[in-house]
Amino acid sequence: LVLDDFKNAEQQINNYIKSFQDEFDRLLKERETREAEAEQIRETL
């Protein structure tokens, strides 16, 4: 039971880390997209 609890806790931690990494990657991509759009807008202007 203790081993199962540790495995479950480890899985929850891994899920949290993956969720954090996915959100970080999404925000980074969003930032890069905004920067590219801003440059395109400046060129058009």
All heavy atoms as atom14 arrays in JSON, in Angstrom:
{
  "sequence": "LVLDDFKNAEQQINNYIKSFQDEFDRLLKERETREAEAEQIRETL",
  "atom14_mask": [
    [1, 1, 1, 1, 1, 1, 1, 1, 0, 0, 0, 0, 0, 0],
    [1, 1, 1, 1, 1, 1, 1, 0, 0, 0, 0, 0, 0, 0],
    [1, 1, 1, 1, 1, 1, 1, 1, 0, 0, 0, 0, 0, 0],
    [1, 1, 1, 1, 1, 1, 1, 1, 0, 0, 0, 0, 0, 0],
    [1, 1, 1, 1, 1, 1, 1, 1, 0, 0, 0, 0, 0, 0],
    [1, 1, 1, 1, 1, 1, 1, 1, 1, 1, 1, 0, 0, 0],
    [1, 1, 1, 1, 1, 1, 1, 1, 1, 0, 0, 0, 0, 0],
    [1, 1, 1, 1, 1, 1, 1, 1, 0, 0, 0, 0, 0, 0],
    [1, 1, 1, 1, 1, 0, 0, 0, 0, 0, 0, 0, 0, 0],
    [1, 1, 1, 1, 1, 1, 1, 1, 1, 0, 0, 0, 0, 0],
    [1, 1, 1, 1, 1, 1, 1, 1, 1, 0, 0, 0, 0, 0],
    [1, 1, 1, 1, 1, 1, 1, 1, 1, 0, 0, 0, 0, 0],
    [1, 1, 1, 1, 1, 1, 1, 1, 0, 0, 0, 0, 0, 0],
    [1, 1, 1, 1, 1, 1, 1, 1, 0, 0, 0, 0, 0, 0],
    [1, 1, 1, 1, 1, 1, 1, 1, 0, 0, 0, 0, 0, 0],
    [1, 1, 1, 1, 1, 1, 1, 1, 1, 1, 1, 1, 0, 0],
    [1, 1, 1, 1, 1, 1, 1, 1, 0, 0, 0, 0, 0, 0],
    [1, 1, 1, 1, 1, 1, 1, 1, 1, 0, 0, 0, 0, 0],
    [1, 1, 1, 1, 1, 1, 0, 0, 0, 0, 0, 0, 0, 0],
    [1, 1, 1, 1, 1, 1, 1, 1, 1, 1, 1, 0, 0, 0],
    [1, 1, 1, 1, 1, 1, 1, 1, 1, 0, 0, 0, 0, 0],
    [1, 1, 1, 1, 1, 1, 1, 1, 0, 0, 0, 0, 0, 0],
    [1, 1, 1, 1, 1, 1, 1, 1, 1, 0, 0, 0, 0, 0],
    [1, 1, 1, 1, 1, 1, 1, 1, 1, 1, 1, 0, 0, 0],
    [1, 1, 1, 1, 1, 1, 1, 1, 0, 0, 0, 0, 0, 0],
    [1, 1, 1, 1, 1, 1, 1, 1, 1, 1, 1, 0, 0, 0],
    [1, 1, 1, 1, 1, 1, 1, 1, 0, 0, 0, 0, 0, 0],
    [1, 1, 1, 1, 1, 1, 1, 1, 0, 0, 0, 0, 0, 0],
    [1, 1, 1, 1, 1, 1, 1, 1, 1, 0, 0, 0, 0, 0],
    [1, 1, 1, 1, 1, 1, 1, 1, 1, 0, 0, 0, 0, 0],
    [1, 1, 1, 1, 1, 1, 1, 1, 1, 1, 1, 0, 0, 0],
    [1, 1, 1, 1, 1, 1, 1, 1, 1, 0, 0, 0, 0, 0],
    [1, 1, 1, 1, 1, 1, 1, 0, 0, 0, 0, 0, 0, 0],
    [1, 1, 1, 1, 1, 1, 1, 1, 1, 1, 1, 0, 0, 0],
    [1, 1, 1, 1, 1, 1, 1, 1, 1, 0, 0, 0, 0, 0],
    [1, 1, 1, 1, 1, 0, 0, 0, 0, 0, 0, 0, 0, 0],
    [1, 1, 1, 1, 1, 1, 1, 1, 1, 0, 0, 0, 0, 0],
    [1, 1, 1, 1, 1, 0, 0, 0, 0, 0, 0, 0, 0, 0],
    [1, 1, 1, 1, 1, 1, 1, 1, 1, 0, 0, 0, 0, 0],
    [1, 1, 1, 1, 1, 1, 1, 1, 1, 0, 0, 0, 0, 0],
    [1, 1, 1, 1, 1, 1, 1, 1, 0, 0, 0, 0, 0, 0],
    [1, 1, 1, 1, 1, 1, 1, 1, 1, 1, 1, 0, 0, 0],
    [1, 1, 1, 1, 1, 1, 1, 1, 1, 0, 0, 0, 0, 0],
    [1, 1, 1, 1, 1, 1, 1, 0, 0, 0, 0, 0, 0, 0],
    [1, 1, 1, 1, 1, 1, 1, 1, 0, 0, 0, 0, 0, 0]
  ],
  "atom14_positions": [
    [[0.83, -1.21, 0.0], [0.0, 0.0, 0.0], [0.86, 1.26, 0.0], [0.56, 2.23, -0.7], [-0.94, 0.01, 1.21], [-2.08, -1.01, 1.19], [-2.84, -0.98, 2.53], [-3.01, -0.74, 0.04], [0.0, 0.0, 0.0], [0.0, 0.0, 0.0], [0.0, 0.0, 0.0], [0.0, 0.0, 0.0], [0.0, 0.0, 0.0], [0.0, 0.0, 0.0]],
    [[1.93, 1.25, 0.76], [2.84, 2.39, 0.82], [3.49, 2.58, -0.55], [3.58, 3.72, -1.06], [3.9, 2.23, 1.93], [4.98, 3.3, 1.82], [3.25, 2.27, 3.31], [0.0, 0.0, 0.0], [0.0, 0.0, 0.0], [0.0, 0.0, 0.0], [0.0, 0.0, 0.0], [0.0, 0.0, 0.0], [0.0, 0.0, 0.0], [0.0, 0.0, 0.0]],
    [[3.94, 1.49, -1.16], [4.56, 1.57, -2.5], [3.55, 2.1, -3.52], [3.9, 2.94, -4.36], [5.09, 0.21, -2.93], [6.37, -0.26, -2.25], [6.72, -1.69, -2.69], [7.53, 0.67, -2.57], [0.0, 0.0, 0.0], [0.0, 0.0, 0.0], [0.0, 0.0, 0.0], [0.0, 0.0, 0.0], [0.0, 0.0, 0.0], [0.0, 0.0, 0.0]],
    [[2.34, 1.62, -3.46], [1.29, 2.1, -4.37], [1.04, 3.6, -4.17], [0.87, 4.35, -5.14], [0.0, 1.31, -4.17], [0.07, -0.11, -4.72], [1.02, -0.4, -5.48], [-0.81, -0.91, -4.38], [0.0, 0.0, 0.0], [0.0, 0.0, 0.0], [0.0, 0.0, 0.0], [0.0, 0.0, 0.0], [0.0, 0.0, 0.0], [0.0, 0.0, 0.0]],
    [[1.03, 4.02, -2.9], [0.84, 5.44, -2.61], [1.98, 6.28, -3.19], [1.75, 7.35, -3.75], [0.73, 5.68, -1.1], [-0.62, 5.26, -0.53], [-1.56, 5.05, -1.34], [-0.75, 5.15, 0.71], [0.0, 0.0, 0.0], [0.0, 0.0, 0.0], [0.0, 0.0, 0.0], [0.0, 0.0, 0.0], [0.0, 0.0, 0.0], [0.0, 0.0, 0.0]],
    [[3.2, 5.79, -3.05], [4.34, 6.51, -3.6], [4.28, 6.57, -5.13], [4.57, 7.6, -5.73], [5.67, 5.89, -3.14], [6.14, 6.41, -1.83], [6.07, 5.63, -0.68], [6.67, 7.7, -1.71], [6.49, 6.11, 0.54], [7.1, 8.18, -0.5], [7.02, 7.39, 0.64], [0.0, 0.0, 0.0], [0.0, 0.0, 0.0], [0.0, 0.0, 0.0]],
    [[3.89, 5.47, -5.75], [3.75, 5.46, -7.21], [2.67, 6.44, -7.66], [2.83, 7.16, -8.64], [3.43, 4.04, -7.71], [4.61, 3.11, -7.68], [4.22, 1.73, -8.19], [5.37, 0.76, -8.05], [5.02, -0.61, -8.46], [0.0, 0.0, 0.0], [0.0, 0.0, 0.0], [0.0, 0.0, 0.0], [0.0, 0.0, 0.0], [0.0, 0.0, 0.0]],
    [[1.58, 6.45, -6.94], [0.49, 7.36, -7.26], [0.94, 8.81, -7.09], [0.66, 9.66, -7.94], [-0.72, 7.06, -6.36], [-1.93, 7.87, -6.75], [-2.08, 8.26, -7.9], [-2.81, 8.13, -5.79], [0.0, 0.0, 0.0], [0.0, 0.0, 0.0], [0.0, 0.0, 0.0], [0.0, 0.0, 0.0], [0.0, 0.0, 0.0], [0.0, 0.0, 0.0]],
    [[1.65, 9.09, -6.0], [2.15, 10.44, -5.78], [3.14, 10.84, -6.86], [3.12, 11.97, -7.36], [2.8, 10.53, -4.4], [0.0, 0.0, 0.0], [0.0, 0.0, 0.0], [0.0, 0.0, 0.0], [0.0, 0.0, 0.0], [0.0, 0.0, 0.0], [0.0, 0.0, 0.0], [0.0, 0.0, 0.0], [0.0, 0.0, 0.0], [0.0, 0.0, 0.0]],
    [[4.01, 9.91, -7.24], [4.99, 10.18, -8.3], [4.27, 10.48, -9.62], [4.65, 11.41, -10.34], [5.94, 9.0, -8.47], [7.01, 9.23, -9.5], [7.95, 8.04, -9.64], [7.56, 6.91, -9.28], [9.07, 8.26, -10.14], [0.0, 0.0, 0.0], [0.0, 0.0, 0.0], [0.0, 0.0, 0.0], [0.0, 0.0, 0.0], [0.0, 0.0, 0.0]],
    [[3.23, 9.72, -9.91], [2.46, 9.95, -11.14], [1.78, 11.32, -11.11], [1.76, 12.04, -12.11], [1.43, 8.84, -11.35], [0.68, 8.93, -12.66], [1.61, 8.84, -13.86], [2.48, 7.99, -13.92], [1.43, 9.75, -14.81], [0.0, 0.0, 0.0], [0.0, 0.0, 0.0], [0.0, 0.0, 0.0], [0.0, 0.0, 0.0], [0.0, 0.0, 0.0]],
    [[1.24, 11.69, -9.96], [0.61, 13.0, -9.84], [1.62, 14.13, -10.04], [1.34, 15.13, -10.7], [-0.07, 13.14, -8.47], [-1.33, 12.32, -8.35], [-1.96, 12.44, -6.97], [-1.39, 13.04, -6.05], [-3.15, 11.87, -6.81], [0.0, 0.0, 0.0], [0.0, 0.0, 0.0], [0.0, 0.0, 0.0], [0.0, 0.0, 0.0], [0.0, 0.0, 0.0]],
    [[2.81, 13.94, -9.48], [3.87, 14.94, -9.65], [4.28, 15.03, -11.12], [4.42, 16.12, -11.67], [5.09, 14.61, -8.76], [4.72, 14.84, -7.29], [6.3, 15.46, -9.15], [5.74, 14.31, -6.31], [0.0, 0.0, 0.0], [0.0, 0.0, 0.0], [0.0, 0.0, 0.0], [0.0, 0.0, 0.0], [0.0, 0.0, 0.0], [0.0, 0.0, 0.0]],
    [[4.43, 13.89, -11.77], [4.78, 13.88, -13.19], [3.7, 14.55, -14.03], [4.01, 15.29, -14.98], [5.05, 12.45, -13.68], [6.36, 11.9, -13.16], [7.27, 12.65, -12.8], [6.46, 10.58, -13.1], [0.0, 0.0, 0.0], [0.0, 0.0, 0.0], [0.0, 0.0, 0.0], [0.0, 0.0, 0.0], [0.0, 0.0, 0.0], [0.0, 0.0, 0.0]],
    [[2.44, 14.29, -13.7], [1.33, 14.93, -14.41], [1.36, 16.44, -14.22], [1.13, 17.2, -15.16], [-0.01, 14.37, -13.94], [-0.25, 12.95, -14.4], [0.42, 12.44, -15.3], [-1.19, 12.27, -13.75], [0.0, 0.0, 0.0], [0.0, 0.0, 0.0], [0.0, 0.0, 0.0], [0.0, 0.0, 0.0], [0.0, 0.0, 0.0], [0.0, 0.0, 0.0]],
    [[1.66, 16.88, -13.0], [1.73, 18.31, -12.71], [2.88, 18.94, -13.5], [2.72, 20.01, -14.09], [1.92, 18.53, -11.21], [2.11, 19.98, -10.86], [1.02, 20.85, -10.82], [3.37, 20.5, -10.59], [1.18, 22.19, -10.52], [3.54, 21.84, -10.29], [2.46, 22.68, -10.25], [2.62, 24.0, -9.96], [0.0, 0.0, 0.0], [0.0, 0.0, 0.0]],
    [[4.04, 18.28, -13.52], [5.19, 18.81, -14.26], [4.86, 18.89, -15.74], [5.15, 19.9, -16.4], [6.43, 17.92, -14.02], [6.92, 18.11, -12.58], [7.55, 18.26, -15.01], [7.99, 17.12, -12.15], [0.0, 0.0, 0.0], [0.0, 0.0, 0.0], [0.0, 0.0, 0.0], [0.0, 0.0, 0.0], [0.0, 0.0, 0.0], [0.0, 0.0, 0.0]],
    [[4.22, 17.86, -16.29], [3.85, 17.88, -17.71], [2.86, 18.99, -17.99], [2.98, 19.72, -18.98], [3.25, 16.54, -18.14], [2.91, 16.5, -19.62], [2.3, 15.18, -20.03], [1.97, 15.12, -21.5], [1.58, 16.32, -22.16], [0.0, 0.0, 0.0], [0.0, 0.0, 0.0], [0.0, 0.0, 0.0], [0.0, 0.0, 0.0], [0.0, 0.0, 0.0]],
    [[1.88, 19.16, -17.11], [0.9, 20.23, -17.28], [1.58, 21.6, -17.25], [1.29, 22.47, -18.08], [-0.15, 20.13, -16.17], [-1.02, 21.22, -16.23], [0.0, 0.0, 0.0], [0.0, 0.0, 0.0], [0.0, 0.0, 0.0], [0.0, 0.0, 0.0], [0.0, 0.0, 0.0], [0.0, 0.0, 0.0], [0.0, 0.0, 0.0], [0.0, 0.0, 0.0]],
    [[2.5, 21.79, -16.33], [3.24, 23.04, -16.24], [4.07, 23.26, -17.51], [4.07, 24.37, -18.06], [4.15, 23.01, -15.01], [4.99, 24.25, -14.86], [4.46, 25.4, -14.29], [6.32, 24.26, -15.29], [5.23, 26.54, -14.17], [7.09, 25.4, -15.17], [6.55, 26.54, -14.6], [0.0, 0.0, 0.0], [0.0, 0.0, 0.0], [0.0, 0.0, 0.0]],
    [[4.75, 22.23, -17.97], [5.58, 22.35, -19.18], [4.71, 22.66, -20.4], [5.08, 23.5, -21.23], [6.37, 21.05, -19.42], [7.33, 21.13, -20.59], [8.44, 22.14, -20.35], [9.06, 22.15, -19.3], [8.68, 23.0, -21.32], [0.0, 0.0, 0.0], [0.0, 0.0, 0.0], [0.0, 0.0, 0.0], [0.0, 0.0, 0.0], [0.0, 0.0, 0.0]],
    [[3.55, 22.02, -20.51], [2.65, 22.29, -21.64], [2.17, 23.75, -21.62], [2.14, 24.4, -22.66], [1.44, 21.35, -21.61], [1.8, 19.91, -21.93], [2.91, 19.66, -22.45], [0.96, 19.02, -21.66], [0.0, 0.0, 0.0], [0.0, 0.0, 0.0], [0.0, 0.0, 0.0], [0.0, 0.0, 0.0], [0.0, 0.0, 0.0], [0.0, 0.0, 0.0]],
    [[1.81, 24.24, -20.44], [1.35, 25.62, -20.31], [2.49, 26.59, -20.62], [2.29, 27.6, -21.31], [0.8, 25.88, -18.9], [0.3, 27.28, -18.67], [-0.94, 27.64, -19.49], [-1.53, 26.77, -20.14], [-1.31, 28.83, -19.47], [0.0, 0.0, 0.0], [0.0, 0.0, 0.0], [0.0, 0.0, 0.0], [0.0, 0.0, 0.0], [0.0, 0.0, 0.0]],
    [[3.68, 26.29, -20.16], [4.85, 27.13, -20.44], [5.12, 27.17, -21.95], [5.35, 28.25, -22.51], [6.07, 26.59, -19.69], [7.32, 27.38, -19.93], [7.53, 28.58, -19.27], [8.27, 26.93, -20.81], [8.67, 29.32, -19.49], [9.43, 27.67, -21.04], [9.64, 28.86, -20.38], [0.0, 0.0, 0.0], [0.0, 0.0, 0.0], [0.0, 0.0, 0.0]],
    [[5.08, 26.02, -22.6], [5.3, 25.95, -24.05], [4.23, 26.75, -24.8], [4.53, 27.45, -25.77], [5.3, 24.5, -24.53], [6.52, 23.72, -24.04], [7.52, 24.37, -23.62], [6.48, 22.48, -24.08], [0.0, 0.0, 0.0], [0.0, 0.0, 0.0], [0.0, 0.0, 0.0], [0.0, 0.0, 0.0], [0.0, 0.0, 0.0], [0.0, 0.0, 0.0]],
    [[2.99, 26.66, -24.35], [1.9, 27.4, -24.99], [2.11, 28.91, -24.86], [1.98, 29.66, -25.84], [0.55, 27.01, -24.37], [-0.65, 27.65, -25.07], [-1.93, 27.45, -24.27], [-1.95, 28.18, -23.02], [-2.16, 29.5, -22.91], [-2.35, 30.24, -23.97], [-2.16, 30.09, -21.72], [0.0, 0.0, 0.0], [0.0, 0.0, 0.0], [0.0, 0.0, 0.0]],
    [[2.49, 29.34, -23.68], [2.73, 30.77, -23.46], [3.92, 31.27, -24.27], [3.89, 32.38, -24.81], [2.96, 31.04, -21.97], [1.73, 30.89, -21.07], [2.13, 30.97, -19.6], [0.68, 31.91, -21.41], [0.0, 0.0, 0.0], [0.0, 0.0, 0.0], [0.0, 0.0, 0.0], [0.0, 0.0, 0.0], [0.0, 0.0, 0.0], [0.0, 0.0, 0.0]],
    [[4.95, 30.45, -24.37], [6.12, 30.83, -25.15], [5.76, 30.97, -26.62], [6.14, 31.95, -27.28], [7.23, 29.78, -24.97], [8.58, 30.1, -25.58], [9.15, 31.38, -24.98], [9.53, 28.94, -25.36], [0.0, 0.0, 0.0], [0.0, 0.0, 0.0], [0.0, 0.0, 0.0], [0.0, 0.0, 0.0], [0.0, 0.0, 0.0], [0.0, 0.0, 0.0]],
    [[4.99, 30.03, -27.13], [4.57, 30.1, -28.54], [3.67, 31.32, -28.77], [3.81, 32.0, -29.78], [3.83, 28.82, -28.92], [3.42, 28.78, -30.38], [2.95, 27.39, -30.76], [2.48, 27.33, -32.18], [3.51, 27.52, -33.16], [0.0, 0.0, 0.0], [0.0, 0.0, 0.0], [0.0, 0.0, 0.0], [0.0, 0.0, 0.0], [0.0, 0.0, 0.0]],
    [[2.78, 31.58, -27.83], [1.9, 32.75, -27.94], [2.72, 34.04, -27.98], [2.44, 34.94, -28.78], [0.94, 32.77, -26.75], [-0.08, 33.88, -26.78], [-1.01, 33.81, -25.58], [-1.61, 32.75, -25.34], [-1.11, 34.82, -24.87], [0.0, 0.0, 0.0], [0.0, 0.0, 0.0], [0.0, 0.0, 0.0], [0.0, 0.0, 0.0], [0.0, 0.0, 0.0]],
    [[3.74, 34.11, -27.15], [4.61, 35.29, -27.13], [5.34, 35.45, -28.46], [5.43, 36.55, -29.01], [5.6, 35.17, -25.98], [6.57, 36.32, -25.9], [7.51, 36.14, -24.75], [8.55, 37.14, -24.79], [9.62, 37.12, -24.05], [9.79, 36.15, -23.18], [10.53, 38.05, -24.14], [0.0, 0.0, 0.0], [0.0, 0.0, 0.0], [0.0, 0.0, 0.0]],
    [[5.88, 34.36, -28.98], [6.59, 34.4, -30.25], [5.66, 34.84, -31.38], [6.04, 35.61, -32.25], [7.2, 33.03, -30.57], [8.35, 32.66, -29.65], [8.78, 31.21, -29.79], [8.09, 30.43, -30.51], [9.8, 30.84, -29.18], [0.0, 0.0, 0.0], [0.0, 0.0, 0.0], [0.0, 0.0, 0.0], [0.0, 0.0, 0.0], [0.0, 0.0, 0.0]],
    [[4.43, 34.35, -31.34], [3.43, 34.72, -32.36], [3.14, 36.21, -32.29], [3.09, 36.89, -33.31], [2.14, 33.91, -32.16], [2.44, 32.51, -32.27], [1.09, 34.28, -33.19], [0.0, 0.0, 0.0], [0.0, 0.0, 0.0], [0.0, 0.0, 0.0], [0.0, 0.0, 0.0], [0.0, 0.0, 0.0], [0.0, 0.0, 0.0], [0.0, 0.0, 0.0]],
    [[2.95, 36.73, -31.08], [2.67, 38.16, -30.91], [3.83, 39.01, -31.41], [3.63, 40.04, -32.04], [2.38, 38.49, -29.45], [1.02, 38.05, -29.0], [0.77, 38.48, -27.58], [-0.51, 37.98, -27.12], [-0.89, 37.99, -25.86], [-0.08, 38.48, -24.93], [-2.05, 37.52, -25.51], [0.0, 0.0, 0.0], [0.0, 0.0, 0.0], [0.0, 0.0, 0.0]],
    [[5.05, 38.58, -31.11], [6.22, 39.33, -31.56], [6.3, 39.34, -33.08], [6.6, 40.37, -33.69], [7.5, 38.74, -30.96], [7.65, 39.03, -29.47], [8.83, 38.33, -28.84], [9.54, 37.58, -29.52], [9.06, 38.55, -27.63], [0.0, 0.0, 0.0], [0.0, 0.0, 0.0], [0.0, 0.0, 0.0], [0.0, 0.0, 0.0], [0.0, 0.0, 0.0]],
    [[6.02, 38.19, -33.7], [6.04, 38.12, -35.17], [4.94, 39.0, -35.76], [5.17, 39.71, -36.75], [5.88, 36.67, -35.62], [0.0, 0.0, 0.0], [0.0, 0.0, 0.0], [0.0, 0.0, 0.0], [0.0, 0.0, 0.0], [0.0, 0.0, 0.0], [0.0, 0.0, 0.0], [0.0, 0.0, 0.0], [0.0, 0.0, 0.0], [0.0, 0.0, 0.0]],
    [[3.76, 38.96, -35.16], [2.66, 39.8, -35.65], [2.99, 41.27, -35.48], [2.69, 42.08, -36.36], [1.37, 39.47, -34.89], [0.78, 38.13, -35.26], [-0.39, 37.72, -34.38], [-0.61, 38.36, -33.32], [-1.09, 36.77, -34.74], [0.0, 0.0, 0.0], [0.0, 0.0, 0.0], [0.0, 0.0, 0.0], [0.0, 0.0, 0.0], [0.0, 0.0, 0.0]],
    [[3.61, 41.63, -34.37], [3.97, 43.03, -34.14], [4.96, 43.51, -35.2], [4.83, 44.62, -35.72], [4.56, 43.2, -32.74], [0.0, 0.0, 0.0], [0.0, 0.0, 0.0], [0.0, 0.0, 0.0], [0.0, 0.0, 0.0], [0.0, 0.0, 0.0], [0.0, 0.0, 0.0], [0.0, 0.0, 0.0], [0.0, 0.0, 0.0], [0.0, 0.0, 0.0]],
    [[5.92, 42.68, -35.54], [6.89, 43.06, -36.57], [6.21, 43.22, -37.93], [6.49, 44.16, -38.66], [8.01, 42.0, -36.67], [9.1, 42.34, -37.66], [9.8, 43.67, -37.36], [9.94, 44.04, -36.18], [10.2, 44.35, -38.32], [0.0, 0.0, 0.0], [0.0, 0.0, 0.0], [0.0, 0.0, 0.0], [0.0, 0.0, 0.0], [0.0, 0.0, 0.0]],
    [[5.29, 42.33, -38.24], [4.56, 42.43, -39.5], [3.71, 43.71, -39.53], [3.64, 44.4, -40.56], [3.67, 41.2, -39.68], [2.96, 41.15, -41.01], [2.12, 39.89, -41.17], [1.98, 39.11, -40.24], [1.58, 39.7, -42.34], [0.0, 0.0, 0.0], [0.0, 0.0, 0.0], [0.0, 0.0, 0.0], [0.0, 0.0, 0.0], [0.0, 0.0, 0.0]],
    [[3.1, 44.04, -38.43], [2.3, 45.27, -38.35], [3.19, 46.49, -38.54], [2.83, 47.42, -39.27], [1.53, 45.33, -37.0], [0.43, 44.27, -36.98], [0.97, 46.72, -36.76], [-0.2, 44.06, -35.62], [0.0, 0.0, 0.0], [0.0, 0.0, 0.0], [0.0, 0.0, 0.0], [0.0, 0.0, 0.0], [0.0, 0.0, 0.0], [0.0, 0.0, 0.0]],
    [[4.36, 46.49, -37.89], [5.29, 47.62, -38.06], [5.7, 47.78, -39.52], [5.75, 48.9, -40.05], [6.54, 47.43, -37.19], [6.37, 47.89, -35.76], [7.68, 47.92, -35.02], [8.25, 46.61, -34.79], [7.94, 45.82, -33.78], [7.05, 46.21, -32.89], [8.49, 44.64, -33.64], [0.0, 0.0, 0.0], [0.0, 0.0, 0.0], [0.0, 0.0, 0.0]],
    [[6.0, 46.67, -40.19], [6.4, 46.73, -41.6], [5.26, 47.29, -42.45], [5.5, 48.13, -43.32], [6.8, 45.33, -42.09], [8.11, 44.84, -41.51], [8.43, 43.4, -41.89], [7.75, 42.85, -42.78], [9.37, 42.85, -41.3], [0.0, 0.0, 0.0], [0.0, 0.0, 0.0], [0.0, 0.0, 0.0], [0.0, 0.0, 0.0], [0.0, 0.0, 0.0]],
    [[4.05, 46.83, -42.22], [2.89, 47.32, -42.97], [2.69, 48.81, -42.73], [2.44, 49.57, -43.68], [1.62, 46.54, -42.57], [1.83, 45.15, -42.83], [0.41, 47.03, -43.32], [0.0, 0.0, 0.0], [0.0, 0.0, 0.0], [0.0, 0.0, 0.0], [0.0, 0.0, 0.0], [0.0, 0.0, 0.0], [0.0, 0.0, 0.0], [0.0, 0.0, 0.0]],
    [[2.81, 49.23, -41.48], [2.64, 50.65, -41.17], [3.74, 51.5, -41.83], [3.45, 52.61, -42.31], [2.65, 50.87, -39.66], [1.4, 50.4, -38.92], [1.6, 50.53, -37.42], [0.18, 51.18, -39.36], [0.0, 0.0, 0.0], [0.0, 0.0, 0.0], [0.0, 0.0, 0.0], [0.0, 0.0, 0.0], [0.0, 0.0, 0.0], [0.0, 0.0, 0.0]]
  ]
}
